[in-house]
């Protein structure tokens, strides 16, 4: 089973005034992904500067497309992608 791990780091030095509104919209988007079955897991980073998302049944290119639709995408410092094969 194909998985893609995306590690999002946001630029916490330059957060806009409406950051909390952006976070609310972000939560709605990832909840929808979970509901439709394309997001397996979401982990928040303890440093509060990003998240780790595990997408399922897709390739890295599709995961990249989805990440570009996130409300936090314009605030990114970096995104790392890793293609994975789930063993169990």
Protein backbone atom coordinates (compact mmCIF):
# COMPACT_ATOMS: atom_id res chain seq x y z
CA UNK A 1 0.00 0.00 0.00
CA UNK A 2 1.50 3.30 -1.10
CA UNK A 3 1.80 6.13 1.37
CA UNK A 4 3.32 9.58 1.08
CA UNK A 5 4.58 11.44 4.11
CA UNK A 6 4.58 15.23 3.83
CA UNK A 7 6.41 17.25 6.46
CA UNK A 8 5.20 20.84 6.45
CA UNK A 9 7.19 23.58 8.17
CA UNK A 10 5.66 27.04 8.32
CA UNK A 11 7.44 30.35 8.60
CA UNK A 12 6.48 31.33 12.17
CA UNK A 13 8.43 34.59 11.89
CA UNK A 14 5.96 36.07 9.41
CA UNK A 15 2.46 34.98 10.46
CA UNK A 16 -0.42 37.11 9.19
CA UNK A 17 -2.92 38.78 11.51
CA UNK A 18 -5.64 36.31 10.43
CA UNK A 19 -3.52 33.24 11.28
CA UNK A 20 -6.19 31.72 13.56
CA UNK A 21 -8.76 32.00 10.76
CA UNK A 22 -6.33 30.27 8.38
CA UNK A 23 -5.82 27.47 10.93
CA UNK A 24 -9.59 26.95 11.20
CA UNK A 25 -9.90 26.66 7.43
CA UNK A 26 -6.88 24.32 7.37
CA UNK A 27 -8.59 22.02 9.89
CA UNK A 28 -11.70 21.90 7.70
CA UNK A 29 -9.66 20.91 4.65
CA UNK A 30 -7.75 18.09 6.36
CA UNK A 31 -10.94 16.83 8.04
CA UNK A 32 -12.49 16.52 4.57
CA UNK A 33 -9.42 14.60 3.33
CA UNK A 34 -9.77 12.23 6.28
CA UNK A 35 -13.48 11.83 5.60
CA UNK A 36 -12.96 10.88 1.95
CA UNK A 37 -10.16 8.48 2.88
CA UNK A 38 -7.06 10.06 1.36
CA UNK A 39 -5.46 11.22 4.61
CA UNK A 40 -4.40 8.43 6.93
CA UNK A 41 -2.83 10.48 9.72
CA UNK A 42 -2.09 14.02 10.79
CA UNK A 43 0.55 14.77 13.41
CA UNK A 44 1.16 18.25 14.78
CA UNK A 45 4.76 19.08 15.50
CA UNK A 46 5.55 19.81 19.15
CA UNK A 47 7.45 22.93 18.12
CA UNK A 48 4.16 24.30 16.71
CA UNK A 49 5.80 25.17 13.44
CA UNK A 50 4.14 22.61 11.20
CA UNK A 51 2.67 19.17 10.75
CA UNK A 52 3.28 15.73 9.33
CA UNK A 53 0.61 14.33 7.02
CA UNK A 54 0.40 10.73 5.83
CA UNK A 55 -1.54 10.35 2.57
CA UNK A 56 -2.67 6.92 1.40
CA UNK A 57 -3.16 5.26 -1.96
CA UNK A 58 -1.50 7.98 -4.01
CA UNK A 59 1.82 8.95 -5.47
CA UNK A 60 4.07 11.81 -4.46
CA UNK A 61 2.92 14.03 -7.33
CA UNK A 62 -0.72 13.82 -6.19
CA UNK A 63 0.25 14.52 -2.58
CA UNK A 64 2.16 17.59 -3.76
CA UNK A 65 -0.92 18.82 -5.64
CA UNK A 66 -3.07 18.41 -2.54
CA UNK A 67 -0.58 20.16 -0.28
CA UNK A 68 -0.66 23.17 -2.62
CA UNK A 69 -4.39 23.56 -1.85
CA UNK A 70 -3.87 23.93 1.90
CA UNK A 71 -4.62 27.33 3.42
CA UNK A 72 -1.22 27.19 5.16
CA UNK A 73 0.64 26.50 1.90
CA UNK A 74 1.50 30.19 1.27
CA UNK A 75 3.04 30.34 4.77
CA UNK A 76 5.33 27.37 4.22
CA UNK A 77 9.01 27.52 4.92
CA UNK A 78 9.50 24.05 3.46
CA UNK A 79 7.72 20.80 2.63
CA UNK A 80 9.52 17.48 2.47
CA UNK A 81 7.94 14.47 0.77
CA UNK A 82 8.77 10.81 1.32
CA UNK A 83 7.22 7.93 -0.60
CA UNK A 84 6.59 4.97 1.69
CA UNK A 85 5.39 1.38 1.42
CA UNK A 86 3.30 0.29 4.39
CA UNK A 87 4.29 -3.15 5.72
CA UNK A 88 1.61 -3.54 8.43
